[in-house]
């Protein structure tokens, strides 16, 4: 984010243009921070302009790249952005037993030996 009017959008456009030019896999984590609903009256104008930039860039995303977005708050994201994604996958909250099983499975049982050298 920049304090200069329009600079944030230019920064975002440059980053997305770089990813598009390099057939990248780009993950926009916490997309709700930069693509909030434009109807949100508490948002400032710069953030609303940023949503417009993101929408334009997603419209121009090449078929050779992959664009992913993640959020814990899908209700905050502008609906126009959701419509631009081919697939929206929602993950529910994990059951405590599943979390415990994953911790047991992936936690190392012993520490690896120290290597000197």
PDB file of N, CA and C in Angstrom:
ATOM      1  N   UNK A   1       0.847  -1.174   0.000  1.00  0.00           N
ATOM      2  CA  UNK A   1       0.000   0.000   0.000  1.00  0.00           C
ATOM      3  C   UNK A   1       0.891   1.236   0.000  1.00  0.00           C
ATOM      4  N   UNK A   2       0.442   2.227  -0.717  1.00  0.00           N
ATOM      5  CA  UNK A   2       1.203   3.463  -0.810  1.00  0.00           C
ATOM      6  C   UNK A   2       0.317   4.627  -0.383  1.00  0.00           C
ATOM      7  N   UNK A   3       0.921   5.641   0.154  1.00  0.00           N
ATOM      8  CA  UNK A   3       0.171   6.836   0.534  1.00  0.00           C
ATOM      9  C   UNK A   3      -0.123   7.718  -0.676  1.00  0.00           C
ATOM     10  N   UNK A   4       0.532   7.451  -1.795  1.00  0.00           N
ATOM     11  CA  UNK A   4       0.321   8.244  -3.004  1.00  0.00           C
ATOM     12  C   UNK A   4      -0.873   7.706  -3.785  1.00  0.00           C
ATOM     13  N   UNK A   5      -1.735   8.581  -4.194  1.00  0.00           N
ATOM     14  CA  UNK A   5      -2.944   8.201  -4.913  1.00  0.00           C
ATOM     15  C   UNK A   5      -2.599   7.439  -6.186  1.00  0.00           C
ATOM     16  N   UNK A   6      -3.145   6.236  -6.323  1.00  0.00           N
ATOM     17  CA  UNK A   6      -2.933   5.425  -7.510  1.00  0.00           C
ATOM     18  C   UNK A   6      -1.674   4.584  -7.503  1.00  0.00           C
ATOM     19  N   UNK A   7      -0.746   4.850  -6.598  1.00  0.00           N
ATOM     20  CA  UNK A   7       0.522   4.118  -6.568  1.00  0.00           C
ATOM     21  C   UNK A   7       0.314   2.653  -6.190  1.00  0.00           C
ATOM     22  N   UNK A   8      -0.600   2.371  -5.291  1.00  0.00           N
ATOM     23  CA  UNK A   8      -0.866   0.992  -4.885  1.00  0.00           C
ATOM     24  C   UNK A   8      -1.363   0.181  -6.072  1.00  0.00           C
ATOM     25  N   UNK A   9      -2.277   0.744  -6.836  1.00  0.00           N
ATOM     26  CA  UNK A   9      -2.787   0.063  -8.019  1.00  0.00           C
ATOM     27  C   UNK A   9      -1.696  -0.183  -9.045  1.00  0.00           C
ATOM     28  N   UNK A  10      -0.814   0.799  -9.225  1.00  0.00           N
ATOM     29  CA  UNK A  10       0.302   0.633 -10.157  1.00  0.00           C
ATOM     30  C   UNK A  10       1.247  -0.470  -9.687  1.00  0.00           C
ATOM     31  N   UNK A  11       1.504  -0.525  -8.384  1.00  0.00           N
ATOM     32  CA  UNK A  11       2.357  -1.575  -7.831  1.00  0.00           C
ATOM     33  C   UNK A  11       1.724  -2.945  -8.060  1.00  0.00           C
ATOM     34  N   UNK A  12       0.421  -3.049  -7.814  1.00  0.00           N
ATOM     35  CA  UNK A  12      -0.289  -4.310  -7.994  1.00  0.00           C
ATOM     36  C   UNK A  12      -0.266  -4.717  -9.465  1.00  0.00           C
ATOM     37  N   UNK A  13      -0.532  -3.776 -10.331  1.00  0.00           N
ATOM     38  CA  UNK A  13      -0.537  -4.063 -11.772  1.00  0.00           C
ATOM     39  C   UNK A  13       0.849  -4.557 -12.226  1.00  0.00           C
ATOM     40  N   UNK A  14       1.910  -3.931 -11.746  1.00  0.00           N
ATOM     41  CA  UNK A  14       3.277  -4.338 -12.118  1.00  0.00           C
ATOM     42  C   UNK A  14       3.567  -5.764 -11.655  1.00  0.00           C
ATOM     43  N   UNK A  15       3.160  -6.103 -10.450  1.00  0.00           N
ATOM     44  CA  UNK A  15       3.387  -7.458  -9.932  1.00  0.00           C
ATOM     45  C   UNK A  15       2.606  -8.484 -10.748  1.00  0.00           C
ATOM     46  N   UNK A  16       1.352  -8.189 -11.039  1.00  0.00           N
ATOM     47  CA  UNK A  16       0.536  -9.119 -11.812  1.00  0.00           C
ATOM     48  C   UNK A  16       1.019  -9.214 -13.258  1.00  0.00           C
ATOM     49  N   UNK A  17       1.446  -8.101 -13.837  1.00  0.00           N
ATOM     50  CA  UNK A  17       1.978  -8.127 -15.197  1.00  0.00           C
ATOM     51  C   UNK A  17       3.238  -8.995 -15.274  1.00  0.00           C
ATOM     52  N   UNK A  18       4.076  -8.909 -14.259  1.00  0.00           N
ATOM     53  CA  UNK A  18       5.280  -9.744 -14.222  1.00  0.00           C
ATOM     54  C   UNK A  18       4.894 -11.227 -14.191  1.00  0.00           C
ATOM     55  N   UNK A  19       3.928 -11.572 -13.353  1.00  0.00           N
ATOM     56  CA  UNK A  19       3.487 -12.966 -13.259  1.00  0.00           C
ATOM     57  C   UNK A  19       2.882 -13.435 -14.581  1.00  0.00           C
ATOM     58  N   UNK A  20       2.092 -12.575 -15.224  1.00  0.00           N
ATOM     59  CA  UNK A  20       1.477 -12.945 -16.504  1.00  0.00           C
ATOM     60  C   UNK A  20       2.534 -13.152 -17.579  1.00  0.00           C
ATOM     61  N   UNK A  21       3.543 -12.333 -17.605  1.00  0.00           N
ATOM     62  CA  UNK A  21       4.585 -12.421 -18.629  1.00  0.00           C
ATOM     63  C   UNK A  21       5.458 -13.655 -18.459  1.00  0.00           C
ATOM     64  N   UNK A  22       5.448 -14.252 -17.281  1.00  0.00           N
ATOM     65  CA  UNK A  22       6.322 -15.387 -17.003  1.00  0.00           C
ATOM     66  C   UNK A  22       5.561 -16.683 -16.774  1.00  0.00           C
ATOM     67  N   UNK A  23       4.310 -16.742 -17.223  1.00  0.00           N
ATOM     68  CA  UNK A  23       3.495 -17.956 -17.072  1.00  0.00           C
ATOM     69  C   UNK A  23       3.587 -18.524 -15.660  1.00  0.00           C
ATOM     70  N   UNK A  24       3.407 -17.675 -14.689  1.00  0.00           N
ATOM     71  CA  UNK A  24       3.600 -18.046 -13.297  1.00  0.00           C
ATOM     72  C   UNK A  24       2.371 -18.703 -12.693  1.00  0.00           C
ATOM     73  N   UNK A  25       2.618 -19.382 -11.597  1.00  0.00           N
ATOM     74  CA  UNK A  25       1.559 -19.784 -10.686  1.00  0.00           C
ATOM     75  C   UNK A  25       1.599 -18.725  -9.586  1.00  0.00           C
ATOM     76  N   UNK A  26       0.526 -17.947  -9.464  1.00  0.00           N
ATOM     77  CA  UNK A  26       0.504 -16.844  -8.505  1.00  0.00           C
ATOM     78  C   UNK A  26      -0.573 -17.093  -7.470  1.00  0.00           C
ATOM     79  N   UNK A  27      -0.192 -17.058  -6.204  1.00  0.00           N
ATOM     80  CA  UNK A  27      -1.133 -17.204  -5.098  1.00  0.00           C
ATOM     81  C   UNK A  27      -1.283 -15.858  -4.419  1.00  0.00           C
ATOM     82  N   UNK A  28      -2.506 -15.333  -4.445  1.00  0.00           N
ATOM     83  CA  UNK A  28      -2.824 -14.099  -3.727  1.00  0.00           C
ATOM     84  C   UNK A  28      -3.448 -14.510  -2.395  1.00  0.00           C
ATOM     85  N   UNK A  29      -2.634 -14.591  -1.371  1.00  0.00           N
ATOM     86  CA  UNK A  29      -3.108 -15.002  -0.051  1.00  0.00           C
ATOM     87  C   UNK A  29      -3.761 -13.819   0.646  1.00  0.00           C
ATOM     88  N   UNK A  30      -4.770 -14.104   1.442  1.00  0.00           N
ATOM     89  CA  UNK A  30      -5.522 -13.068   2.152  1.00  0.00           C
ATOM     90  C   UNK A  30      -6.079 -12.047   1.164  1.00  0.00           C
ATOM     91  N   UNK A  31      -6.679 -12.521   0.089  1.00  0.00           N
ATOM     92  CA  UNK A  31      -7.209 -11.654  -0.972  1.00  0.00           C
ATOM     93  C   UNK A  31      -8.227 -10.649  -0.424  1.00  0.00           C
ATOM     94  N   UNK A  32      -8.864 -10.975   0.679  1.00  0.00           N
ATOM     95  CA  UNK A  32      -9.854 -10.055   1.254  1.00  0.00           C
ATOM     96  C   UNK A  32      -9.229  -8.727   1.686  1.00  0.00           C
ATOM     97  N   UNK A  33      -7.926  -8.704   1.903  1.00  0.00           N
ATOM     98  CA  UNK A  33      -7.265  -7.464   2.323  1.00  0.00           C
ATOM     99  C   UNK A  33      -7.165  -6.448   1.185  1.00  0.00           C
ATOM    100  N   UNK A  34      -7.158  -6.941  -0.072  1.00  0.00           N
ATOM    101  CA  UNK A  34      -6.998  -6.024  -1.197  1.00  0.00           C
ATOM    102  C   UNK A  34      -8.164  -6.052  -2.176  1.00  0.00           C
ATOM    103  N   UNK A  35      -9.111  -6.946  -1.971  1.00  0.00           N
ATOM    104  CA  UNK A  35     -10.241  -7.056  -2.906  1.00  0.00           C
ATOM    105  C   UNK A  35     -11.574  -7.048  -2.159  1.00  0.00           C
ATOM    106  N   UNK A  36     -11.690  -6.124  -1.227  1.00  0.00           N
ATOM    107  CA  UNK A  36     -12.924  -6.037  -0.431  1.00  0.00           C
ATOM    108  C   UNK A  36     -14.085  -5.563  -1.286  1.00  0.00           C
ATOM    109  N   UNK A  37     -15.261  -5.914  -0.828  1.00  0.00           N
ATOM    110  CA  UNK A  37     -16.485  -5.466  -1.506  1.00  0.00           C
ATOM    111  C   UNK A  37     -16.439  -3.956  -1.700  1.00  0.00           C
ATOM    112  N   UNK A  38     -16.745  -3.524  -2.895  1.00  0.00           N
ATOM    113  CA  UNK A  38     -16.746  -2.082  -3.162  1.00  0.00           C
ATOM    114  C   UNK A  38     -17.938  -1.398  -2.512  1.00  0.00           C
ATOM    115  N   UNK A  39     -18.908  -2.168  -2.078  1.00  0.00           N
ATOM    116  CA  UNK A  39     -20.069  -1.589  -1.399  1.00  0.00           C
ATOM    117  C   UNK A  39     -19.801  -1.322   0.080  1.00  0.00           C
ATOM    118  N   UNK A  40     -18.633  -1.706   0.576  1.00  0.00           N
ATOM    119  CA  UNK A  40     -18.268  -1.486   1.973  1.00  0.00           C
ATOM    120  C   UNK A  40     -18.040   0.008   2.201  1.00  0.00           C
ATOM    121  N   UNK A  41     -18.922   0.627   2.957  1.00  0.00           N
ATOM    122  CA  UNK A  41     -18.853   2.080   3.162  1.00  0.00           C
ATOM    123  C   UNK A  41     -17.668   2.497   4.037  1.00  0.00           C
ATOM    124  N   UNK A  42     -17.075   1.562   4.773  1.00  0.00           N
ATOM    125  CA  UNK A  42     -15.955   1.911   5.652  1.00  0.00           C
ATOM    126  C   UNK A  42     -14.627   1.958   4.902  1.00  0.00           C
ATOM    127  N   UNK A  43     -14.616   1.494   3.646  1.00  0.00           N
ATOM    128  CA  UNK A  43     -13.369   1.483   2.895  1.00  0.00           C
ATOM    129  C   UNK A  43     -13.083   2.832   2.269  1.00  0.00           C
ATOM    130  N   UNK A  44     -11.797   3.099   2.104  1.00  0.00           N
ATOM    131  CA  UNK A  44     -11.368   4.344   1.466  1.00  0.00           C
ATOM    132  C   UNK A  44     -11.344   4.154  -0.050  1.00  0.00           C
ATOM    133  N   UNK A  45     -11.326   5.221  -0.784  1.00  0.00           N
ATOM    134  CA  UNK A  45     -11.365   5.174  -2.234  1.00  0.00           C
ATOM    135  C   UNK A  45     -10.204   4.435  -2.859  1.00  0.00           C
ATOM    136  N   UNK A  46      -9.026   4.516  -2.255  1.00  0.00           N
ATOM    137  CA  UNK A  46      -7.850   3.843  -2.829  1.00  0.00           C
ATOM    138  C   UNK A  46      -8.069   2.335  -2.889  1.00  0.00           C
ATOM    139  N   UNK A  47      -8.666   1.753  -1.860  1.00  0.00           N
ATOM    140  CA  UNK A  47      -8.922   0.315  -1.869  1.00  0.00           C
ATOM    141  C   UNK A  47      -9.958  -0.051  -2.922  1.00  0.00           C
ATOM    142  N   UNK A  48     -10.940   0.806  -3.141  1.00  0.00           N
ATOM    143  CA  UNK A  48     -11.941   0.543  -4.174  1.00  0.00           C
ATOM    144  C   UNK A  48     -11.308   0.591  -5.560  1.00  0.00           C
ATOM    145  N   UNK A  49     -10.371   1.495  -5.761  1.00  0.00           N
ATOM    146  CA  UNK A  49      -9.657   1.551  -7.034  1.00  0.00           C
ATOM    147  C   UNK A  49      -8.782   0.313  -7.213  1.00  0.00           C
ATOM    148  N   UNK A  50      -8.228  -0.188  -6.127  1.00  0.00           N
ATOM    149  CA  UNK A  50      -7.393  -1.379  -6.188  1.00  0.00           C
ATOM    150  C   UNK A  50      -8.214  -2.593  -6.629  1.00  0.00           C
ATOM    151  N   UNK A  51      -9.439  -2.694  -6.163  1.00  0.00           N
ATOM    152  CA  UNK A  51     -10.317  -3.794  -6.591  1.00  0.00           C
ATOM    153  C   UNK A  51     -10.530  -3.731  -8.095  1.00  0.00           C
ATOM    154  N   UNK A  52     -10.732  -2.550  -8.620  1.00  0.00           N
ATOM    155  CA  UNK A  52     -10.919  -2.392 -10.061  1.00  0.00           C
ATOM    156  C   UNK A  52      -9.681  -2.851 -10.820  1.00  0.00           C
ATOM    157  N   UNK A  53      -8.503  -2.511 -10.322  1.00  0.00           N
ATOM    158  CA  UNK A  53      -7.256  -2.946 -10.954  1.00  0.00           C
ATOM    159  C   UNK A  53      -7.178  -4.470 -10.955  1.00  0.00           C
ATOM    160  N   UNK A  54      -7.478  -5.083  -9.826  1.00  0.00           N
ATOM    161  CA  UNK A  54      -7.413  -6.540  -9.720  1.00  0.00           C
ATOM    162  C   UNK A  54      -8.395  -7.189 -10.696  1.00  0.00           C
ATOM    163  N   UNK A  55      -9.599  -6.658 -10.782  1.00  0.00           N
ATOM    164  CA  UNK A  55     -10.595  -7.214 -11.707  1.00  0.00           C
ATOM    165  C   UNK A  55     -10.099  -7.127 -13.148  1.00  0.00           C
ATOM    166  N   UNK A  56      -9.531  -6.005 -13.524  1.00  0.00           N
ATOM    167  CA  UNK A  56      -9.016  -5.841 -14.890  1.00  0.00           C
ATOM    168  C   UNK A  56      -7.878  -6.815 -15.171  1.00  0.00           C
ATOM    169  N   UNK A  57      -6.999  -6.983 -14.210  1.00  0.00           N
ATOM    170  CA  UNK A  57      -5.857  -7.879 -14.389  1.00  0.00           C
ATOM    171  C   UNK A  57      -6.294  -9.335 -14.469  1.00  0.00           C
ATOM    172  N   UNK A  58      -7.251  -9.736 -13.665  1.00  0.00           N
ATOM    173  CA  UNK A  58      -7.749 -11.113 -13.711  1.00  0.00           C
ATOM    174  C   UNK A  58      -8.420 -11.380 -15.056  1.00  0.00           C
ATOM    175  N   UNK A  59      -9.130 -10.382 -15.582  1.00  0.00           N
ATOM    176  CA  UNK A  59      -9.758 -10.535 -16.904  1.00  0.00           C
ATOM    177  C   UNK A  59      -8.720 -10.810 -17.988  1.00  0.00           C
ATOM    178  N   UNK A  60      -7.517 -10.312 -17.811  1.00  0.00           N
ATOM    179  CA  UNK A  60      -6.463 -10.463 -18.819  1.00  0.00           C
ATOM    180  C   UNK A  60      -5.486 -11.595 -18.497  1.00  0.00           C
ATOM    181  N   UNK A  61      -5.814 -12.428 -17.494  1.00  0.00           N
ATOM    182  CA  UNK A  61      -4.901 -13.488 -17.075  1.00  0.00           C
ATOM    183  C   UNK A  61      -4.776 -14.517 -18.193  1.00  0.00           C
ATOM    184  N   UNK A  62      -3.552 -14.884 -18.565  1.00  0.00           N
ATOM    185  CA  UNK A  62      -3.365 -15.822 -19.680  1.00  0.00           C
ATOM    186  C   UNK A  62      -3.721 -17.256 -19.297  1.00  0.00           C
ATOM    187  N   UNK A  63      -4.144 -18.015 -20.284  1.00  0.00           N
ATOM    188  CA  UNK A  63      -4.503 -19.417 -20.059  1.00  0.00           C
ATOM    189  C   UNK A  63      -3.280 -20.254 -19.686  1.00  0.00           C
ATOM    190  N   UNK A  64      -2.084 -19.748 -19.953  1.00  0.00           N
ATOM    191  CA  UNK A  64      -0.862 -20.485 -19.656  1.00  0.00           C
ATOM    192  C   UNK A  64      -0.400 -20.327 -18.216  1.00  0.00           C
ATOM    193  N   UNK A  65      -1.039 -19.448 -17.466  1.00  0.00           N
ATOM    194  CA  UNK A  65      -0.684 -19.237 -16.069  1.00  0.00           C
ATOM    195  C   UNK A  65      -1.771 -19.765 -15.159  1.00  0.00           C
ATOM    196  N   UNK A  66      -1.501 -19.760 -13.879  1.00  0.00           N
ATOM    197  CA  UNK A  66      -2.490 -20.195 -12.890  1.00  0.00           C
ATOM    198  C   UNK A  66      -2.572 -19.136 -11.803  1.00  0.00           C
ATOM    199  N   UNK A  67      -3.769 -18.641 -11.571  1.00  0.00           N
ATOM    200  CA  UNK A  67      -3.996 -17.634 -10.538  1.00  0.00           C
ATOM    201  C   UNK A  67      -4.859 -18.236  -9.451  1.00  0.00           C
ATOM    202  N   UNK A  68      -4.353 -18.198  -8.231  1.00  0.00           N
ATOM    203  CA  UNK A  68      -5.062 -18.713  -7.066  1.00  0.00           C
ATOM    204  C   UNK A  68      -5.247 -17.585  -6.068  1.00  0.00           C
ATOM    205  N   UNK A  69      -6.344 -17.621  -5.344  1.00  0.00           N
ATOM    206  CA  UNK A  69      -6.578 -16.643  -4.278  1.00  0.00           C
ATOM    207  C   UNK A  69      -7.091 -17.402  -3.058  1.00  0.00           C
ATOM    208  N   UNK A  70      -6.688 -16.958  -1.893  1.00  0.00           N
ATOM    209  CA  UNK A  70      -7.099 -17.616  -0.658  1.00  0.00           C
ATOM    210  C   UNK A  70      -7.564 -16.574   0.347  1.00  0.00           C
ATOM    211  N   UNK A  71      -8.533 -16.968   1.148  1.00  0.00           N
ATOM    212  CA  UNK A  71      -9.036 -16.093   2.199  1.00  0.00           C
ATOM    213  C   UNK A  71      -9.718 -16.914   3.273  1.00  0.00           C
ATOM    214  N   UNK A  72      -9.708 -16.403   4.473  1.00  0.00           N
ATOM    215  CA  UNK A  72     -10.498 -16.972   5.561  1.00  0.00           C
ATOM    216  C   UNK A  72     -11.832 -16.250   5.691  1.00  0.00           C
ATOM    217  N   UNK A  73     -12.016 -15.196   4.886  1.00  0.00           N
ATOM    218  CA  UNK A  73     -13.226 -14.371   4.963  1.00  0.00           C
ATOM    219  C   UNK A  73     -13.811 -14.148   3.574  1.00  0.00           C
ATOM    220  N   UNK A  74     -14.370 -15.173   2.954  1.00  0.00           N
ATOM    221  CA  UNK A  74     -14.887 -15.019   1.586  1.00  0.00           C
ATOM    222  C   UNK A  74     -16.030 -14.016   1.484  1.00  0.00           C
ATOM    223  N   UNK A  75     -16.720 -13.791   2.569  1.00  0.00           N
ATOM    224  CA  UNK A  75     -17.840 -12.844   2.550  1.00  0.00           C
ATOM    225  C   UNK A  75     -17.383 -11.397   2.385  1.00  0.00           C
ATOM    226  N   UNK A  76     -16.104 -11.120   2.628  1.00  0.00           N
ATOM    227  CA  UNK A  76     -15.574  -9.768   2.492  1.00  0.00           C
ATOM    228  C   UNK A  76     -15.115  -9.446   1.072  1.00  0.00           C
ATOM    229  N   UNK A  77     -14.910 -10.476   0.267  1.00  0.00           N
ATOM    230  CA  UNK A  77     -14.360 -10.289  -1.086  1.00  0.00           C
ATOM    231  C   UNK A  77     -15.457  -9.824  -2.036  1.00  0.00           C
ATOM    232  N   UNK A  78     -15.104  -8.906  -2.917  1.00  0.00           N
ATOM    233  CA  UNK A  78     -16.057  -8.381  -3.889  1.00  0.00           C
ATOM    234  C   UNK A  78     -16.596  -9.532  -4.756  1.00  0.00           C
ATOM    235  N   UNK A  79     -17.915  -9.641  -4.878  1.00  0.00           N
ATOM    236  CA  UNK A  79     -18.505 -10.735  -5.674  1.00  0.00           C
ATOM    237  C   UNK A  79     -18.042 -10.753  -7.127  1.00  0.00           C
ATOM    238  N   UNK A  80     -17.704  -9.606  -7.680  1.00  0.00           N
ATOM    239  CA  UNK A  80     -17.230  -9.552  -9.062  1.00  0.00           C
ATOM    240  C   UNK A  80     -15.926 -10.332  -9.222  1.00  0.00           C
ATOM    241  N   UNK A  81     -15.104 -10.370  -8.182  1.00  0.00           N
ATOM    242  CA  UNK A  81     -13.867 -11.139  -8.266  1.00  0.00           C
ATOM    243  C   UNK A  81     -14.169 -12.626  -8.256  1.00  0.00           C
ATOM    244  N   UNK A  82     -15.066 -13.058  -7.382  1.00  0.00           N
ATOM    245  CA  UNK A  82     -15.421 -14.487  -7.343  1.00  0.00           C
ATOM    246  C   UNK A  82     -15.931 -14.967  -8.692  1.00  0.00           C
ATOM    247  N   UNK A  83     -16.691 -14.134  -9.379  1.00  0.00           N
ATOM    248  CA  UNK A  83     -17.251 -14.540 -10.677  1.00  0.00           C
ATOM    249  C   UNK A  83     -16.173 -14.756 -11.729  1.00  0.00           C
ATOM    250  N   UNK A  84     -15.014 -14.202 -11.540  1.00  0.00           N
ATOM    251  CA  UNK A  84     -13.944 -14.315 -12.534  1.00  0.00           C
ATOM    252  C   UNK A  84     -13.122 -15.590 -12.384  1.00  0.00           C
ATOM    253  N   UNK A  85     -13.268 -16.277 -11.279  1.00  0.00           N
ATOM    254  CA  UNK A  85     -12.541 -17.529 -11.083  1.00  0.00           C
ATOM    255  C   UNK A  85     -13.358 -18.690 -11.633  1.00  0.00           C
ATOM    256  N   UNK A  86     -12.693 -19.592 -12.333  1.00  0.00           N
ATOM    257  CA  UNK A  86     -13.382 -20.747 -12.906  1.00  0.00           C
ATOM    258  C   UNK A  86     -13.867 -21.709 -11.829  1.00  0.00           C
ATOM    259  N   UNK A  87     -13.097 -21.830 -10.770  1.00  0.00           N
ATOM    260  CA  UNK A  87     -13.421 -22.774  -9.704  1.00  0.00           C
ATOM    261  C   UNK A  87     -13.249 -22.067  -8.361  1.00  0.00           C
ATOM    262  N   UNK A  88     -14.216 -22.267  -7.476  1.00  0.00           N
ATOM    263  CA  UNK A  88     -14.108 -21.780  -6.104  1.00  0.00           C
ATOM    264  C   UNK A  88     -14.241 -23.002  -5.196  1.00  0.00           C
ATOM    265  N   UNK A  89     -13.213 -23.253  -4.407  1.00  0.00           N
ATOM    266  CA  UNK A  89     -13.195 -24.401  -3.508  1.00  0.00           C
ATOM    267  C   UNK A  89     -13.290 -23.887  -2.084  1.00  0.00           C
ATOM    268  N   UNK A  90     -14.241 -24.422  -1.350  1.00  0.00           N
ATOM    269  CA  UNK A  90     -14.389 -24.017   0.049  1.00  0.00           C
ATOM    270  C   UNK A  90     -13.985 -25.184   0.944  1.00  0.00           C
ATOM    271  N   UNK A  91     -13.152 -24.888   1.911  1.00  0.00           N
ATOM    272  CA  UNK A  91     -12.726 -25.884   2.883  1.00  0.00           C
ATOM    273  C   UNK A  91     -13.404 -25.570   4.208  1.00  0.00           C
ATOM    274  N   UNK A  92     -14.081 -26.551   4.744  1.00  0.00           N
ATOM    275  CA  UNK A  92     -14.698 -26.375   6.052  1.00  0.00           C
ATOM    276  C   UNK A  92     -13.665 -26.501   7.158  1.00  0.00           C
ATOM    277  N   UNK A  93     -14.110 -26.229   8.358  1.00  0.00           N
ATOM    278  CA  UNK A  93     -13.209 -26.332   9.500  1.00  0.00           C
ATOM    279  C   UNK A  93     -12.945 -27.808   9.795  1.00  0.00           C
ATOM    280  N   UNK A  94     -11.707 -28.138  10.060  1.00  0.00           N
ATOM    281  CA  UNK A  94     -11.330 -29.524  10.339  1.00  0.00           C
ATOM    282  C   UNK A  94     -11.868 -29.975  11.678  1.00  0.00           C
ATOM    283  N   UNK A  95     -12.221 -31.257  11.734  1.00  0.00           N
ATOM    284  CA  UNK A  95     -12.658 -31.856  13.003  1.00  0.00           C
ATOM    285  C   UNK A  95     -11.437 -32.018  13.916  1.00  0.00           C
ATOM    286  N   UNK A  96     -11.612 -31.833  15.224  1.00  0.00           N
ATOM    287  CA  UNK A  96     -10.466 -31.965  16.149  1.00  0.00           C
ATOM    288  C   UNK A  96      -9.747 -33.310  16.023  1.00  0.00           C
ATOM    289  N   UNK A  97     -10.483 -34.393  15.806  1.00  0.00           N
ATOM    290  CA  UNK A  97      -9.847 -35.709  15.679  1.00  0.00           C
ATOM    291  C   UNK A  97      -8.950 -35.761  14.435  1.00  0.00           C
ATOM    292  N   UNK A  98      -9.368 -35.129  13.336  1.00  0.00           N
ATOM    293  CA  UNK A  98      -8.564 -35.108  12.111  1.00  0.00           C
ATOM    294  C   UNK A  98      -7.294 -34.291  12.313  1.00  0.00           C
ATOM    295  N   UNK A  99      -7.397 -33.185  13.040  1.00  0.00           N
ATOM    296  CA  UNK A  99      -6.216 -32.361  13.328  1.00  0.00           C
ATOM    297  C   UNK A  99      -5.228 -33.157  14.178  1.00  0.00           C
ATOM    298  N   UNK A 100      -5.731 -33.841  15.204  1.00  0.00           N
ATOM    299  CA  UNK A 100      -4.860 -34.643  16.075  1.00  0.00           C
ATOM    300  C   UNK A 100      -4.184 -35.755  15.281  1.00  0.00           C
ATOM    301  N   UNK A 101      -4.898 -36.402  14.371  1.00  0.00           N
ATOM    302  CA  UNK A 101      -4.319 -37.466  13.561  1.00  0.00           C
ATOM    303  C   UNK A 101      -3.236 -36.913  12.643  1.00  0.00           C
ATOM    304  N   UNK A 102      -3.456 -35.730  12.064  1.00  0.00           N
ATOM    305  CA  UNK A 102      -2.459 -35.118  11.189  1.00  0.00           C
ATOM    306  C   UNK A 102      -1.205 -34.752  11.972  1.00  0.00           C
ATOM    307  N   UNK A 103      -1.367 -34.224  13.167  1.00  0.00           N
ATOM    308  CA  UNK A 103      -0.214 -33.873  14.001  1.00  0.00           C
ATOM    309  C   UNK A 103       0.585 -35.133  14.322  1.00  0.00           C
ATOM    310  N   UNK A 104      -0.109 -36.218  14.691  1.00  0.00           N
ATOM    311  CA  UNK A 104       0.602 -37.469  14.990  1.00  0.00           C
ATOM    312  C   UNK A 104       1.332 -37.993  13.756  1.00  0.00           C
ATOM    313  N   UNK A 105       0.718 -37.862  12.591  1.00  0.00           N
ATOM    314  CA  UNK A 105       1.304 -38.405  11.365  1.00  0.00           C
ATOM    315  C   UNK A 105       2.519 -37.619  10.899  1.00  0.00           C
ATOM    316  N   UNK A 106       2.457 -36.307  10.975  1.00  0.00           N
ATOM    317  CA  UNK A 106       3.507 -35.484  10.386  1.00  0.00           C
ATOM    318  C   UNK A 106       4.546 -34.971  11.374  1.00  0.00           C
ATOM    319  N   UNK A 107       4.314 -35.144  12.659  1.00  0.00           N
ATOM    320  CA  UNK A 107       5.295 -34.699  13.654  1.00  0.00           C
ATOM    321  C   UNK A 107       6.440 -35.710  13.701  1.00  0.00           C
ATOM    322  N   UNK A 108       7.665 -35.253  13.645  1.00  0.00           N
ATOM    323  CA  UNK A 108       8.778 -36.202  13.728  1.00  0.00           C
ATOM    324  C   UNK A 108       8.804 -36.870  15.099  1.00  0.00           C
ATOM    325  N   UNK A 109       9.083 -38.167  15.102  1.00  0.00           N
ATOM    326  CA  UNK A 109       9.123 -38.889  16.379  1.00  0.00           C
ATOM    327  C   UNK A 109      10.453 -38.699  17.081  1.00  0.00           C
ATOM    328  N   UNK A 110      11.501 -38.436  16.299  1.00  0.00           N
ATOM    329  CA  UNK A 110      12.806 -38.165  16.898  1.00  0.00           C
ATOM    330  C   UNK A 110      13.411 -36.978  16.164  1.00  0.00           C
ATOM    331  N   UNK A 111      14.290 -36.346  16.812  1.00  0.00           N
ATOM    332  CA  UNK A 111      14.986 -35.220  16.188  1.00  0.00           C
ATOM    333  C   UNK A 111      16.058 -35.789  15.255  1.00  0.00           C
ATOM    334  N   UNK A 112      16.263 -35.144  14.120  1.00  0.00           N
ATOM    335  CA  UNK A 112      17.332 -35.619  13.226  1.00  0.00           C
ATOM    336  C   UNK A 112      18.683 -35.414  13.900  1.00  0.00           C
ATOM    337  N   UNK A 113      19.649 -36.269  13.586  1.00  0.00           N
ATOM    338  CA  UNK A 113      20.968 -36.092  14.207  1.00  0.00           C
ATOM    339  C   UNK A 113      21.627 -34.809  13.756  1.00  0.00           C
ATOM    340  N   UNK A 114      22.385 -34.235  14.631  1.00  0.00           N
ATOM    341  CA  UNK A 114      23.123 -33.018  14.303  1.00  0.00           C
ATOM    342  C   UNK A 114      24.261 -33.377  13.367  1.00  0.00           C
ATOM    343  N   UNK A 115      24.425 -32.574  12.354  1.00  0.00           N
ATOM    344  CA  UNK A 115      25.529 -32.783  11.418  1.00  0.00           C
ATOM    345  C   UNK A 115      26.607 -31.749  11.676  1.00  0.00           C
ATOM    346  N   UNK A 116      27.791 -32.215  11.728  1.00  0.00           N
ATOM    347  CA  UNK A 116      28.916 -31.309  11.926  1.00  0.00           C
ATOM    348  C   UNK A 116      29.681 -31.221  10.626  1.00  0.00           C
ATOM    349  N   UNK A 117      30.165 -30.066  10.370  1.00  0.00           N
ATOM    350  CA  UNK A 117      30.953 -30.088   9.207  1.00  0.00           C
ATOM    351  C   UNK A 117      31.169 -28.941   8.427  1.00  0.00           C
TER     352      UNK A 117
END
